[in-house]
Amino acid sequence: MPGGGVLTIGEWRDRQLGGRPMDGIESPAVAARLRGHAETALRVVAELRPRQGSNKELRLTLGDLEAMARLGATRPRSTGRAS
């Protein structure tokens, strides 16, 4: 995101391979944060599932949250290293 202080994957890779200093938030740190948030979301969804009962809206919302958390838990692995 422009202006956010986060290095793009390309910037991070170029600096890593070139031995240049990192002057922003590095891709592996972003990936680790995403994984941490995803793990928390999955844990909370699992805690709430037994309470959903017959509430269709809550069931669907929890399903949406779980799907997004699973994306966050897997996607960062592919961006956590230089290619």
PDB file of N, CA and C in Angstrom:
ATOM      1  N   MET A   1       0.852  -1.168   0.000  1.00  0.00           N
ATOM      2  CA  MET A   1       0.000   0.000   0.000  1.00  0.00           C
ATOM      3  C   MET A   1       0.900   1.233   0.000  1.00  0.00           C
ATOM      4  N   PRO A   2       0.735   2.084  -0.967  1.00  0.00           N
ATOM      5  CA  PRO A   2       1.579   3.275  -1.036  1.00  0.00           C
ATOM      6  C   PRO A   2       1.476   4.117   0.235  1.00  0.00           C
ATOM      7  N   GLY A   3       2.621   4.561   0.714  1.00  0.00           N
ATOM      8  CA  GLY A   3       2.663   5.406   1.896  1.00  0.00           C
ATOM      9  C   GLY A   3       2.528   4.672   3.211  1.00  0.00           C
ATOM     10  N   GLY A   4       2.389   3.357   3.169  1.00  0.00           N
ATOM     11  CA  GLY A   4       2.199   2.574   4.382  1.00  0.00           C
ATOM     12  C   GLY A   4       3.496   2.114   5.021  1.00  0.00           C
ATOM     13  N   GLY A   5       4.618   2.344   4.349  1.00  0.00           N
ATOM     14  CA  GLY A   5       5.896   1.938   4.902  1.00  0.00           C
ATOM     15  C   GLY A   5       6.210   0.464   4.729  1.00  0.00           C
ATOM     16  N   VAL A   6       5.384  -0.231   3.944  1.00  0.00           N
ATOM     17  CA  VAL A   6       5.596  -1.657   3.710  1.00  0.00           C
ATOM     18  C   VAL A   6       6.331  -1.829   2.393  1.00  0.00           C
ATOM     19  N   LEU A   7       7.417  -2.572   2.440  1.00  0.00           N
ATOM     20  CA  LEU A   7       8.157  -2.870   1.208  1.00  0.00           C
ATOM     21  C   LEU A   7       7.361  -3.866   0.378  1.00  0.00           C
ATOM     22  N   THR A   8       7.303  -3.630  -0.921  1.00  0.00           N
ATOM     23  CA  THR A   8       6.680  -4.628  -1.786  1.00  0.00           C
ATOM     24  C   THR A   8       7.568  -5.865  -1.797  1.00  0.00           C
ATOM     25  N   ILE A   9       7.026  -6.962  -2.255  1.00  0.00           N
ATOM     26  CA  ILE A   9       7.810  -8.197  -2.318  1.00  0.00           C
ATOM     27  C   ILE A   9       9.024  -7.990  -3.218  1.00  0.00           C
ATOM     28  N   GLY A  10       8.826  -7.302  -4.332  1.00  0.00           N
ATOM     29  CA  GLY A  10       9.934  -7.030  -5.249  1.00  0.00           C
ATOM     30  C   GLY A  10      11.011  -6.165  -4.608  1.00  0.00           C
ATOM     31  N   GLU A  11      10.591  -5.123  -3.888  1.00  0.00           N
ATOM     32  CA  GLU A  11      11.566  -4.262  -3.205  1.00  0.00           C
ATOM     33  C   GLU A  11      12.337  -5.051  -2.148  1.00  0.00           C
ATOM     34  N   TRP A  12      11.615  -5.847  -1.390  1.00  0.00           N
ATOM     35  CA  TRP A  12      12.252  -6.648  -0.350  1.00  0.00           C
ATOM     36  C   TRP A  12      13.263  -7.616  -0.954  1.00  0.00           C
ATOM     37  N   ARG A  13      12.844  -8.314  -2.012  1.00  0.00           N
ATOM     38  CA  ARG A  13      13.722  -9.281  -2.671  1.00  0.00           C
ATOM     39  C   ARG A  13      14.976  -8.605  -3.208  1.00  0.00           C
ATOM     40  N   ASP A  14      14.809  -7.480  -3.911  1.00  0.00           N
ATOM     41  CA  ASP A  14      15.952  -6.778  -4.480  1.00  0.00           C
ATOM     42  C   ASP A  14      16.932  -6.331  -3.399  1.00  0.00           C
ATOM     43  N   ARG A  15      16.404  -5.827  -2.292  1.00  0.00           N
ATOM     44  CA  ARG A  15      17.280  -5.387  -1.198  1.00  0.00           C
ATOM     45  C   ARG A  15      17.940  -6.570  -0.516  1.00  0.00           C
ATOM     46  N   GLN A  16      17.185  -7.649  -0.343  1.00  0.00           N
ATOM     47  CA  GLN A  16      17.733  -8.860   0.281  1.00  0.00           C
ATOM     48  C   GLN A  16      18.873  -9.413  -0.566  1.00  0.00           C
ATOM     49  N   LEU A  17      18.637  -9.552  -1.851  1.00  0.00           N
ATOM     50  CA  LEU A  17      19.653 -10.114  -2.743  1.00  0.00           C
ATOM     51  C   LEU A  17      20.830  -9.162  -2.935  1.00  0.00           C
ATOM     52  N   GLY A  18      20.565  -7.862  -2.873  1.00  0.00           N
ATOM     53  CA  GLY A  18      21.624  -6.875  -3.059  1.00  0.00           C
ATOM     54  C   GLY A  18      22.347  -6.496  -1.780  1.00  0.00           C
ATOM     55  N   GLY A  19      21.928  -7.053  -0.661  1.00  0.00           N
ATOM     56  CA  GLY A  19      22.567  -6.739   0.613  1.00  0.00           C
ATOM     57  C   GLY A  19      22.325  -5.315   1.077  1.00  0.00           C
ATOM     58  N   ARG A  20      21.270  -4.697   0.565  1.00  0.00           N
ATOM     59  CA  ARG A  20      20.957  -3.317   0.947  1.00  0.00           C
ATOM     60  C   ARG A  20      20.073  -3.299   2.187  1.00  0.00           C
ATOM     61  N   PRO A  21      20.117  -2.205   2.942  1.00  0.00           N
ATOM     62  CA  PRO A  21      19.311  -2.131   4.165  1.00  0.00           C
ATOM     63  C   PRO A  21      17.810  -2.058   3.853  1.00  0.00           C
ATOM     64  N   MET A  22      17.042  -2.602   4.763  1.00  0.00           N
ATOM     65  CA  MET A  22      15.586  -2.539   4.667  1.00  0.00           C
ATOM     66  C   MET A  22      15.129  -1.281   5.387  1.00  0.00           C
ATOM     67  N   ASP A  23      14.413  -0.416   4.701  1.00  0.00           N
ATOM     68  CA  ASP A  23      13.955   0.821   5.326  1.00  0.00           C
ATOM     69  C   ASP A  23      12.430   0.871   5.394  1.00  0.00           C
ATOM     70  N   GLY A  24      11.844  -0.251   5.656  1.00  0.00           N
ATOM     71  CA  GLY A  24      10.396  -0.342   5.769  1.00  0.00           C
ATOM     72  C   GLY A  24      10.024  -1.652   6.425  1.00  0.00           C
ATOM     73  N   ILE A  25       8.732  -1.903   6.487  1.00  0.00           N
ATOM     74  CA  ILE A  25       8.260  -3.165   7.044  1.00  0.00           C
ATOM     75  C   ILE A  25       8.487  -4.237   5.992  1.00  0.00           C
ATOM     76  N   GLU A  26       9.178  -5.287   6.381  1.00  0.00           N
ATOM     77  CA  GLU A  26       9.573  -6.323   5.436  1.00  0.00           C
ATOM     78  C   GLU A  26       8.446  -7.326   5.188  1.00  0.00           C
ATOM     79  N   SER A  27       8.429  -7.900   3.995  1.00  0.00           N
ATOM     80  CA  SER A  27       7.405  -8.873   3.608  1.00  0.00           C
ATOM     81  C   SER A  27       7.267 -10.027   4.596  1.00  0.00           C
ATOM     82  N   PRO A  28       8.355 -10.620   5.082  1.00  0.00           N
ATOM     83  CA  PRO A  28       8.187 -11.716   6.043  1.00  0.00           C
ATOM     84  C   PRO A  28       7.481 -11.269   7.333  1.00  0.00           C
ATOM     85  N   ALA A  29       7.689 -10.029   7.752  1.00  0.00           N
ATOM     86  CA  ALA A  29       7.014  -9.529   8.955  1.00  0.00           C
ATOM     87  C   ALA A  29       5.516  -9.372   8.701  1.00  0.00           C
ATOM     88  N   VAL A  30       5.156  -8.894   7.521  1.00  0.00           N
ATOM     89  CA  VAL A  30       3.743  -8.768   7.163  1.00  0.00           C
ATOM     90  C   VAL A  30       3.105 -10.152   7.119  1.00  0.00           C
ATOM     91  N   ALA A  31       3.801 -11.109   6.503  1.00  0.00           N
ATOM     92  CA  ALA A  31       3.285 -12.475   6.409  1.00  0.00           C
ATOM     93  C   ALA A  31       3.080 -13.076   7.800  1.00  0.00           C
ATOM     94  N   ALA A  32       4.010 -12.848   8.697  1.00  0.00           N
ATOM     95  CA  ALA A  32       3.887 -13.380  10.058  1.00  0.00           C
ATOM     96  C   ALA A  32       2.694 -12.762  10.778  1.00  0.00           C
ATOM     97  N   ARG A  33       2.478 -11.482  10.586  1.00  0.00           N
ATOM     98  CA  ARG A  33       1.317 -10.822  11.209  1.00  0.00           C
ATOM     99  C   ARG A  33       0.018 -11.391  10.665  1.00  0.00           C
ATOM    100  N   LEU A  34      -0.041 -11.577   9.354  1.00  0.00           N
ATOM    101  CA  LEU A  34      -1.252 -12.140   8.751  1.00  0.00           C
ATOM    102  C   LEU A  34      -1.532 -13.538   9.285  1.00  0.00           C
ATOM    103  N   ARG A  35      -0.489 -14.356   9.383  1.00  0.00           N
ATOM    104  CA  ARG A  35      -0.670 -15.709   9.930  1.00  0.00           C
ATOM    105  C   ARG A  35      -1.176 -15.650  11.360  1.00  0.00           C
ATOM    106  N   GLY A  36      -0.619 -14.751  12.156  1.00  0.00           N
ATOM    107  CA  GLY A  36      -1.047 -14.621  13.549  1.00  0.00           C
ATOM    108  C   GLY A  36      -2.501 -14.205  13.661  1.00  0.00           C
ATOM    109  N   HIS A  37      -2.912 -13.227  12.860  1.00  0.00           N
ATOM    110  CA  HIS A  37      -4.312 -12.791  12.877  1.00  0.00           C
ATOM    111  C   HIS A  37      -5.235 -13.904  12.387  1.00  0.00           C
ATOM    112  N   ALA A  38      -4.793 -14.640  11.374  1.00  0.00           N
ATOM    113  CA  ALA A  38      -5.603 -15.742  10.843  1.00  0.00           C
ATOM    114  C   ALA A  38      -5.782 -16.837  11.891  1.00  0.00           C
ATOM    115  N   GLU A  39      -4.712 -17.178  12.593  1.00  0.00           N
ATOM    116  CA  GLU A  39      -4.807 -18.203  13.636  1.00  0.00           C
ATOM    117  C   GLU A  39      -5.757 -17.771  14.746  1.00  0.00           C
ATOM    118  N   THR A  40      -5.704 -16.498  15.112  1.00  0.00           N
ATOM    119  CA  THR A  40      -6.618 -15.978  16.132  1.00  0.00           C
ATOM    120  C   THR A  40      -8.062 -16.067  15.646  1.00  0.00           C
ATOM    121  N   ALA A  41      -8.303 -15.664  14.411  1.00  0.00           N
ATOM    122  CA  ALA A  41      -9.658 -15.704  13.866  1.00  0.00           C
ATOM    123  C   ALA A  41     -10.189 -17.133  13.821  1.00  0.00           C
ATOM    124  N   LEU A  42      -9.349 -18.077  13.408  1.00  0.00           N
ATOM    125  CA  LEU A  42      -9.790 -19.478  13.359  1.00  0.00           C
ATOM    126  C   LEU A  42     -10.128 -19.991  14.758  1.00  0.00           C
ATOM    127  N   ARG A  43      -9.354 -19.598  15.738  1.00  0.00           N
ATOM    128  CA  ARG A  43      -9.623 -20.021  17.117  1.00  0.00           C
ATOM    129  C   ARG A  43     -10.951 -19.446  17.611  1.00  0.00           C
ATOM    130  N   VAL A  44     -11.193 -18.178  17.335  1.00  0.00           N
ATOM    131  CA  VAL A  44     -12.430 -17.537  17.774  1.00  0.00           C
ATOM    132  C   VAL A  44     -13.637 -18.146  17.059  1.00  0.00           C
ATOM    133  N   VAL A  45     -13.516 -18.407  15.768  1.00  0.00           N
ATOM    134  CA  VAL A  45     -14.611 -19.042  15.027  1.00  0.00           C
ATOM    135  C   VAL A  45     -14.930 -20.405  15.650  1.00  0.00           C
ATOM    136  N   ALA A  46     -13.899 -21.166  15.958  1.00  0.00           N
ATOM    137  CA  ALA A  46     -14.116 -22.485  16.571  1.00  0.00           C
ATOM    138  C   ALA A  46     -14.819 -22.356  17.923  1.00  0.00           C
ATOM    139  N   GLU A  47     -14.502 -21.318  18.674  1.00  0.00           N
ATOM    140  CA  GLU A  47     -15.151 -21.095  19.972  1.00  0.00           C
ATOM    141  C   GLU A  47     -16.614 -20.690  19.811  1.00  0.00           C
ATOM    142  N   LEU A  48     -16.922 -19.968  18.736  1.00  0.00           N
ATOM    143  CA  LEU A  48     -18.285 -19.479  18.538  1.00  0.00           C
ATOM    144  C   LEU A  48     -19.206 -20.486  17.852  1.00  0.00           C
ATOM    145  N   ARG A  49     -18.656 -21.403  17.103  1.00  0.00           N
ATOM    146  CA  ARG A  49     -19.481 -22.378  16.358  1.00  0.00           C
ATOM    147  C   ARG A  49     -20.520 -23.073  17.243  1.00  0.00           C
ATOM    148  N   PRO A  50     -20.159 -23.582  18.424  1.00  0.00           N
ATOM    149  CA  PRO A  50     -21.159 -24.268  19.242  1.00  0.00           C
ATOM    150  C   PRO A  50     -22.315 -23.355  19.678  1.00  0.00           C
ATOM    151  N   ARG A  51     -22.110 -22.055  19.660  1.00  0.00           N
ATOM    152  CA  ARG A  51     -23.139 -21.109  20.103  1.00  0.00           C
ATOM    153  C   ARG A  51     -24.057 -20.637  18.986  1.00  0.00           C
ATOM    154  N   GLN A  52     -23.768 -21.032  17.740  1.00  0.00           N
ATOM    155  CA  GLN A  52     -24.554 -20.507  16.627  1.00  0.00           C
ATOM    156  C   GLN A  52     -25.973 -21.060  16.606  1.00  0.00           C
ATOM    157  N   GLY A  53     -26.153 -22.265  17.137  1.00  0.00           N
ATOM    158  CA  GLY A  53     -27.493 -22.856  17.157  1.00  0.00           C
ATOM    159  C   GLY A  53     -28.097 -22.855  15.767  1.00  0.00           C
ATOM    160  N   SER A  54     -29.338 -22.412  15.665  1.00  0.00           N
ATOM    161  CA  SER A  54     -30.031 -22.392  14.373  1.00  0.00           C
ATOM    162  C   SER A  54     -29.958 -21.005  13.716  1.00  0.00           C
ATOM    163  N   ASN A  55     -29.079 -20.152  14.218  1.00  0.00           N
ATOM    164  CA  ASN A  55     -28.945 -18.796  13.694  1.00  0.00           C
ATOM    165  C   ASN A  55     -28.207 -18.840  12.355  1.00  0.00           C
ATOM    166  N   LYS A  56     -28.988 -18.759  11.283  1.00  0.00           N
ATOM    167  CA  LYS A  56     -28.414 -18.871   9.938  1.00  0.00           C
ATOM    168  C   LYS A  56     -27.425 -17.740   9.645  1.00  0.00           C
ATOM    169  N   GLU A  57     -27.773 -16.519  10.037  1.00  0.00           N
ATOM    170  CA  GLU A  57     -26.892 -15.385   9.756  1.00  0.00           C
ATOM    171  C   GLU A  57     -25.538 -15.561  10.447  1.00  0.00           C
ATOM    172  N   LEU A  58     -25.559 -16.010  11.700  1.00  0.00           N
ATOM    173  CA  LEU A  58     -24.299 -16.229  12.417  1.00  0.00           C
ATOM    174  C   LEU A  58     -23.512 -17.364  11.768  1.00  0.00           C
ATOM    175  N   ARG A  59     -24.202 -18.430  11.370  1.00  0.00           N
ATOM    176  CA  ARG A  59     -23.519 -19.558  10.708  1.00  0.00           C
ATOM    177  C   ARG A  59     -22.824 -19.084   9.438  1.00  0.00           C
ATOM    178  N   LEU A  60     -23.516 -18.287   8.632  1.00  0.00           N
ATOM    179  CA  LEU A  60     -22.925 -17.795   7.386  1.00  0.00           C
ATOM    180  C   LEU A  60     -21.774 -16.824   7.650  1.00  0.00           C
ATOM    181  N   THR A  61     -21.942 -15.969   8.642  1.00  0.00           N
ATOM    182  CA  THR A  61     -20.879 -15.014   8.989  1.00  0.00           C
ATOM    183  C   THR A  61     -19.640 -15.748   9.474  1.00  0.00           C
ATOM    184  N   LEU A  62     -19.835 -16.749  10.330  1.00  0.00           N
ATOM    185  CA  LEU A  62     -18.692 -17.529  10.809  1.00  0.00           C
ATOM    186  C   LEU A  62     -18.015 -18.255   9.649  1.00  0.00           C
ATOM    187  N   GLY A  63     -18.807 -18.729   8.694  1.00  0.00           N
ATOM    188  CA  GLY A  63     -18.237 -19.369   7.508  1.00  0.00           C
ATOM    189  C   GLY A  63     -17.393 -18.397   6.697  1.00  0.00           C
ATOM    190  N   ASP A  64     -17.887 -17.172   6.549  1.00  0.00           N
ATOM    191  CA  ASP A  64     -17.116 -16.143   5.843  1.00  0.00           C
ATOM    192  C   ASP A  64     -15.810 -15.836   6.572  1.00  0.00           C
ATOM    193  N   LEU A  65     -15.908 -15.677   7.885  1.00  0.00           N
ATOM    194  CA  LEU A  65     -14.703 -15.390   8.679  1.00  0.00           C
ATOM    195  C   LEU A  65     -13.689 -16.526   8.578  1.00  0.00           C
ATOM    196  N   GLU A  66     -14.189 -17.743   8.638  1.00  0.00           N
ATOM    197  CA  GLU A  66     -13.281 -18.897   8.541  1.00  0.00           C
ATOM    198  C   GLU A  66     -12.595 -18.943   7.176  1.00  0.00           C
ATOM    199  N   ALA A  67     -13.356 -18.684   6.120  1.00  0.00           N
ATOM    200  CA  ALA A  67     -12.780 -18.710   4.770  1.00  0.00           C
ATOM    201  C   ALA A  67     -11.678 -17.657   4.627  1.00  0.00           C
ATOM    202  N   MET A  68     -11.946 -16.447   5.091  1.00  0.00           N
ATOM    203  CA  MET A  68     -10.946 -15.385   4.994  1.00  0.00           C
ATOM    204  C   MET A  68      -9.726 -15.697   5.859  1.00  0.00           C
ATOM    205  N   ALA A  69      -9.958 -16.264   7.038  1.00  0.00           N
ATOM    206  CA  ALA A  69      -8.837 -16.619   7.915  1.00  0.00           C
ATOM    207  C   ALA A  69      -7.981 -17.707   7.276  1.00  0.00           C
ATOM    208  N   ARG A  70      -8.617 -18.661   6.627  1.00  0.00           N
ATOM    209  CA  ARG A  70      -7.833 -19.723   5.965  1.00  0.00           C
ATOM    210  C   ARG A  70      -6.999 -19.152   4.825  1.00  0.00           C
ATOM    211  N   LEU A  71      -7.527 -18.171   4.123  1.00  0.00           N
ATOM    212  CA  LEU A  71      -6.729 -17.497   3.091  1.00  0.00           C
ATOM    213  C   LEU A  71      -5.532 -16.792   3.719  1.00  0.00           C
ATOM    214  N   GLY A  72      -5.769 -16.107   4.825  1.00  0.00           N
ATOM    215  CA  GLY A  72      -4.688 -15.409   5.510  1.00  0.00           C
ATOM    216  C   GLY A  72      -3.660 -16.344   6.102  1.00  0.00           C
ATOM    217  N   ALA A  73      -4.100 -17.541   6.466  1.00  0.00           N
ATOM    218  CA  ALA A  73      -3.181 -18.513   7.062  1.00  0.00           C
ATOM    219  C   ALA A  73      -2.306 -19.181   6.010  1.00  0.00           C
ATOM    220  N   THR A  74      -2.775 -19.254   4.778  1.00  0.00           N
ATOM    221  CA  THR A  74      -1.996 -19.946   3.749  1.00  0.00           C
ATOM    222  C   THR A  74      -1.275 -19.015   2.801  1.00  0.00           C
ATOM    223  N   ARG A  75      -1.865 -17.911   2.428  1.00  0.00           N
ATOM    224  CA  ARG A  75      -1.263 -17.003   1.458  1.00  0.00           C
ATOM    225  C   ARG A  75       0.113 -16.498   1.851  1.00  0.00           C
ATOM    226  N   PRO A  76       0.311 -16.084   3.095  1.00  0.00           N
ATOM    227  CA  PRO A  76       1.621 -15.516   3.457  1.00  0.00           C
ATOM    228  C   PRO A  76       2.798 -16.477   3.289  1.00  0.00           C
ATOM    229  N   ARG A  77       2.557 -17.760   3.309  1.00  0.00           N
ATOM    230  CA  ARG A  77       3.668 -18.696   3.137  1.00  0.00           C
ATOM    231  C   ARG A  77       4.341 -18.495   1.776  1.00  0.00           C
ATOM    232  N   SER A  78       3.559 -18.151   0.768  1.00  0.00           N
ATOM    233  CA  SER A  78       4.137 -17.976  -0.559  1.00  0.00           C
ATOM    234  C   SER A  78       4.868 -16.637  -0.690  1.00  0.00           C
ATOM    235  N   THR A  79       4.602 -15.684   0.203  1.00  0.00           N
ATOM    236  CA  THR A  79       5.258 -14.393   0.112  1.00  0.00           C
ATOM    237  C   THR A  79       6.327 -14.214   1.191  1.00  0.00           C
ATOM    238  N   GLY A  80       6.548 -15.239   1.971  1.00  0.00           N
ATOM    239  CA  GLY A  80       7.488 -15.121   3.068  1.00  0.00           C
ATOM    240  C   GLY A  80       8.939 -15.305   2.683  1.00  0.00           C
ATOM    241  N   ARG A  81       9.216 -15.579   1.417  1.00  0.00           N
ATOM    242  CA  ARG A  81      10.601 -15.775   0.977  1.00  0.00           C
ATOM    243  C   ARG A  81      10.838 -15.080  -0.355  1.00  0.00           C
ATOM    244  N   ALA A  82      12.069 -14.777  -0.599  1.00  0.00           N
ATOM    245  CA  ALA A  82      12.441 -14.220  -1.906  1.00  0.00           C
ATOM    246  C   ALA A  82      12.345 -15.323  -2.942  1.00  0.00           C
ATOM    247  N   SER A  83      11.936 -14.976  -4.137  1.00  0.00           N
ATOM    248  CA  SER A  83      11.860 -15.983  -5.191  1.00  0.00           C
ATOM    249  C   SER A  83      12.987 -15.816  -6.176  1.00  0.00           C
TER     250      SER A  83
END
